[in-house]
Amino acid sequence: VQLQASGGGLVQAGGSLRLSCAASGSIRSIATMGWFRQAPGNQRELVAAFTNTGSTNYGDSVKGRFTISRDNADNTMWLQMNSLKPEDTAAYYCNALLRPGWGARPVWGQGTQVTVSS
């Protein structure tokens, strides 16, 4: 499985961005997908993710502002980010967790940088 993230950029506080993640390769090996982020000096943290039942989880700091969605037909996942804050500045990574038959391991895309100016 390969993941290609895009859509990052520079935005003013209060603005919006939409990130995309395109999955390719052995799509049927994917159990769940999500978005994580990592700011300099910080650990990588969950932003939003689908569970294996199709429901969604959000990090506390983004609840009510960010929305995760996907199109299974196009193997694409999005992260709509509204009301952005300077503390949302980070590299954002799309992630896939593979099914047990494929090692039950995480796969990471390259990061896409989001910078929010005050």
C-alpha atoms as a PDB file:
ATOM      1  CA  VAL A   1       0.000   0.000   0.000  1.00  0.00           C
ATOM      2  CA  GLN A   2       1.202   3.475  -0.859  1.00  0.00           C
ATOM      3  CA  LEU A   3      -0.316   6.665   0.525  1.00  0.00           C
ATOM      4  CA  GLN A   4       0.041  10.077  -1.128  1.00  0.00           C
ATOM      5  CA  ALA A   5      -0.988  13.096   0.911  1.00  0.00           C
ATOM      6  CA  SER A   6      -1.517  16.579  -0.488  1.00  0.00           C
ATOM      7  CA  GLY A   7      -3.248  19.860   0.221  1.00  0.00           C
ATOM      8  CA  GLY A   8      -1.098  21.442   2.891  1.00  0.00           C
ATOM      9  CA  GLY A   9      -0.073  25.066   2.802  1.00  0.00           C
ATOM     10  CA  LEU A  10       0.021  28.395   4.579  1.00  0.00           C
ATOM     11  CA  VAL A  11      -3.228  29.837   5.873  1.00  0.00           C
ATOM     12  CA  GLN A  12      -4.224  32.570   8.287  1.00  0.00           C
ATOM     13  CA  ALA A  13      -5.840  31.762  11.607  1.00  0.00           C
ATOM     14  CA  GLY A  14      -9.548  31.190  11.145  1.00  0.00           C
ATOM     15  CA  GLY A  15      -9.073  29.891   7.636  1.00  0.00           C
ATOM     16  CA  SER A  16      -9.638  26.464   6.123  1.00  0.00           C
ATOM     17  CA  LEU A  17      -7.672  23.801   4.296  1.00  0.00           C
ATOM     18  CA  ARG A  18      -8.595  20.434   2.847  1.00  0.00           C
ATOM     19  CA  LEU A  19      -6.057  17.624   2.871  1.00  0.00           C
ATOM     20  CA  SER A  20      -6.294  14.634   0.577  1.00  0.00           C
ATOM     21  CA  CYS A  21      -4.794  11.154   0.851  1.00  0.00           C
ATOM     22  CA  ALA A  22      -4.830   8.827  -2.127  1.00  0.00           C
ATOM     23  CA  ALA A  23      -4.248   5.141  -1.471  1.00  0.00           C
ATOM     24  CA  SER A  24      -2.877   2.770  -4.082  1.00  0.00           C
ATOM     25  CA  GLY A  25      -1.592  -0.758  -4.237  1.00  0.00           C
ATOM     26  CA  SER A  26      -3.212  -3.550  -2.237  1.00  0.00           C
ATOM     27  CA  ILE A  27      -6.274  -1.601  -1.116  1.00  0.00           C
ATOM     28  CA  ARG A  28      -8.012  -4.680   0.248  1.00  0.00           C
ATOM     29  CA  SER A  29      -5.242  -5.006   2.829  1.00  0.00           C
ATOM     30  CA  ILE A  30      -6.345  -1.792   4.563  1.00  0.00           C
ATOM     31  CA  ALA A  31      -8.349  -2.151   7.773  1.00  0.00           C
ATOM     32  CA  THR A  32      -8.610   1.486   8.835  1.00  0.00           C
ATOM     33  CA  MET A  33      -7.259   4.881   7.818  1.00  0.00           C
ATOM     34  CA  GLY A  34      -6.678   8.160   9.555  1.00  0.00           C
ATOM     35  CA  TRP A  35      -4.738  11.378   9.891  1.00  0.00           C
ATOM     36  CA  PHE A  36      -1.988  12.144  12.371  1.00  0.00           C
ATOM     37  CA  ARG A  37       0.140  15.237  12.847  1.00  0.00           C
ATOM     38  CA  GLN A  38       3.507  16.095  14.316  1.00  0.00           C
ATOM     39  CA  ALA A  39       4.786  19.500  15.270  1.00  0.00           C
ATOM     40  CA  PRO A  40       8.510  20.107  15.886  1.00  0.00           C
ATOM     41  CA  GLY A  41       9.502  18.809  19.290  1.00  0.00           C
ATOM     42  CA  ASN A  42       6.197  17.020  19.792  1.00  0.00           C
ATOM     43  CA  GLN A  43       5.106  13.425  19.455  1.00  0.00           C
ATOM     44  CA  ARG A  44       2.941  12.360  16.552  1.00  0.00           C
ATOM     45  CA  GLU A  45      -0.712  12.599  17.587  1.00  0.00           C
ATOM     46  CA  LEU A  46      -4.046  11.432  16.295  1.00  0.00           C
ATOM     47  CA  VAL A  47      -6.061  14.021  14.418  1.00  0.00           C
ATOM     48  CA  ALA A  48      -8.921  11.913  13.069  1.00  0.00           C
ATOM     49  CA  ALA A  49      -9.444   8.322  12.048  1.00  0.00           C
ATOM     50  CA  PHE A  50     -11.989   5.789  10.958  1.00  0.00           C
ATOM     51  CA  THR A  51     -12.506   2.749  13.151  1.00  0.00           C
ATOM     52  CA  ASN A  52     -12.910  -0.747  11.767  1.00  0.00           C
ATOM     53  CA  THR A  53     -16.680  -0.338  12.153  1.00  0.00           C
ATOM     54  CA  GLY A  54     -16.689   2.816  10.039  1.00  0.00           C
ATOM     55  CA  SER A  55     -17.240   5.284  12.852  1.00  0.00           C
ATOM     56  CA  THR A  56     -14.855   8.185  13.440  1.00  0.00           C
ATOM     57  CA  ASN A  57     -12.561   9.319  16.215  1.00  0.00           C
ATOM     58  CA  TYR A  58     -11.158  12.821  16.605  1.00  0.00           C
ATOM     59  CA  GLY A  59      -8.424  14.274  18.728  1.00  0.00           C
ATOM     60  CA  ASP A  60      -9.855  16.502  21.447  1.00  0.00           C
ATOM     61  CA  SER A  61      -8.155  19.607  20.087  1.00  0.00           C
ATOM     62  CA  VAL A  62      -9.822  19.335  16.665  1.00  0.00           C
ATOM     63  CA  LYS A  63     -13.330  18.186  17.567  1.00  0.00           C
ATOM     64  CA  GLY A  64     -15.944  20.413  15.990  1.00  0.00           C
ATOM     65  CA  ARG A  65     -13.432  21.977  13.596  1.00  0.00           C
ATOM     66  CA  PHE A  66     -12.061  19.104  11.506  1.00  0.00           C
ATOM     67  CA  THR A  67     -13.985  16.486   9.542  1.00  0.00           C
ATOM     68  CA  ILE A  68     -12.619  13.251   8.125  1.00  0.00           C
ATOM     69  CA  SER A  69     -14.288  11.693   5.103  1.00  0.00           C
ATOM     70  CA  ARG A  70     -13.526   9.118   2.444  1.00  0.00           C
ATOM     71  CA  ASP A  71     -14.583   7.793  -0.926  1.00  0.00           C
ATOM     72  CA  ASN A  72     -14.017   4.055  -1.053  1.00  0.00           C
ATOM     73  CA  ALA A  73     -14.633   3.984  -4.793  1.00  0.00           C
ATOM     74  CA  ASP A  74     -11.714   6.361  -5.389  1.00  0.00           C
ATOM     75  CA  ASN A  75      -9.585   5.075  -2.497  1.00  0.00           C
ATOM     76  CA  THR A  76      -9.296   8.640  -1.266  1.00  0.00           C
ATOM     77  CA  MET A  77      -9.561  10.145   2.203  1.00  0.00           C
ATOM     78  CA  TRP A  78      -9.899  13.812   3.083  1.00  0.00           C
ATOM     79  CA  LEU A  79      -9.478  16.006   6.115  1.00  0.00           C
ATOM     80  CA  GLN A  80     -11.477  19.217   6.061  1.00  0.00           C
ATOM     81  CA  MET A  81      -9.928  21.650   8.505  1.00  0.00           C
ATOM     82  CA  ASN A  82     -11.907  24.736   9.488  1.00  0.00           C
ATOM     83  CA  SER A  83     -11.312  27.481  12.025  1.00  0.00           C
ATOM     84  CA  LEU A  84      -7.613  26.770  11.921  1.00  0.00           C
ATOM     85  CA  LYS A  85      -5.437  27.919  14.797  1.00  0.00           C
ATOM     86  CA  PRO A  86      -1.685  28.550  14.970  1.00  0.00           C
ATOM     87  CA  GLU A  87      -1.389  25.491  17.203  1.00  0.00           C
ATOM     88  CA  ASP A  88      -2.629  23.366  14.307  1.00  0.00           C
ATOM     89  CA  THR A  89       0.688  24.031  12.580  1.00  0.00           C
ATOM     90  CA  ALA A  90       2.339  20.666  11.944  1.00  0.00           C
ATOM     91  CA  ALA A  91       3.234  18.082   9.361  1.00  0.00           C
ATOM     92  CA  TYR A  92       0.113  16.030   8.670  1.00  0.00           C
ATOM     93  CA  TYR A  93       0.433  12.346   7.800  1.00  0.00           C
ATOM     94  CA  CYS A  94      -2.126   9.964   6.415  1.00  0.00           C
ATOM     95  CA  ASN A  95      -2.017   6.515   7.890  1.00  0.00           C
ATOM     96  CA  ALA A  96      -3.393   3.095   7.070  1.00  0.00           C
ATOM     97  CA  LEU A  97      -3.509   0.127   9.406  1.00  0.00           C
ATOM     98  CA  LEU A  98      -3.245  -3.138   7.518  1.00  0.00           C
ATOM     99  CA  ARG A  99      -5.379  -6.157   8.260  1.00  0.00           C
ATOM    100  CA  PRO A 100      -3.887  -9.058  10.273  1.00  0.00           C
ATOM    101  CA  GLY A 101      -3.330 -11.062   7.104  1.00  0.00           C
ATOM    102  CA  TRP A 102      -0.950  -8.359   5.925  1.00  0.00           C
ATOM    103  CA  GLY A 103       0.883  -7.998   9.193  1.00  0.00           C
ATOM    104  CA  ALA A 104      -1.475  -5.680  11.065  1.00  0.00           C
ATOM    105  CA  ARG A 105       1.111  -2.935  10.665  1.00  0.00           C
ATOM    106  CA  PRO A 106       0.812   0.802  10.036  1.00  0.00           C
ATOM    107  CA  VAL A 107       1.672   2.373   6.702  1.00  0.00           C
ATOM    108  CA  TRP A 108       2.490   6.076   6.522  1.00  0.00           C
ATOM    109  CA  GLY A 109       2.319   8.524   3.686  1.00  0.00           C
ATOM    110  CA  GLN A 110       4.727  11.410   3.365  1.00  0.00           C
ATOM    111  CA  GLY A 111       3.804  14.406   5.439  1.00  0.00           C
ATOM    112  CA  THR A 112       2.145  17.514   4.103  1.00  0.00           C
ATOM    113  CA  GLN A 113       2.959  20.719   5.943  1.00  0.00           C
ATOM    114  CA  VAL A 114       0.204  22.902   7.357  1.00  0.00           C
ATOM    115  CA  THR A 115       1.242  26.305   8.663  1.00  0.00           C
ATOM    116  CA  VAL A 116      -1.289  28.590  10.330  1.00  0.00           C
ATOM    117  CA  SER A 117      -0.232  32.187  10.859  1.00  0.00           C
ATOM    118  CA  SER A 118      -1.647  34.357  13.614  1.00  0.00           C
END
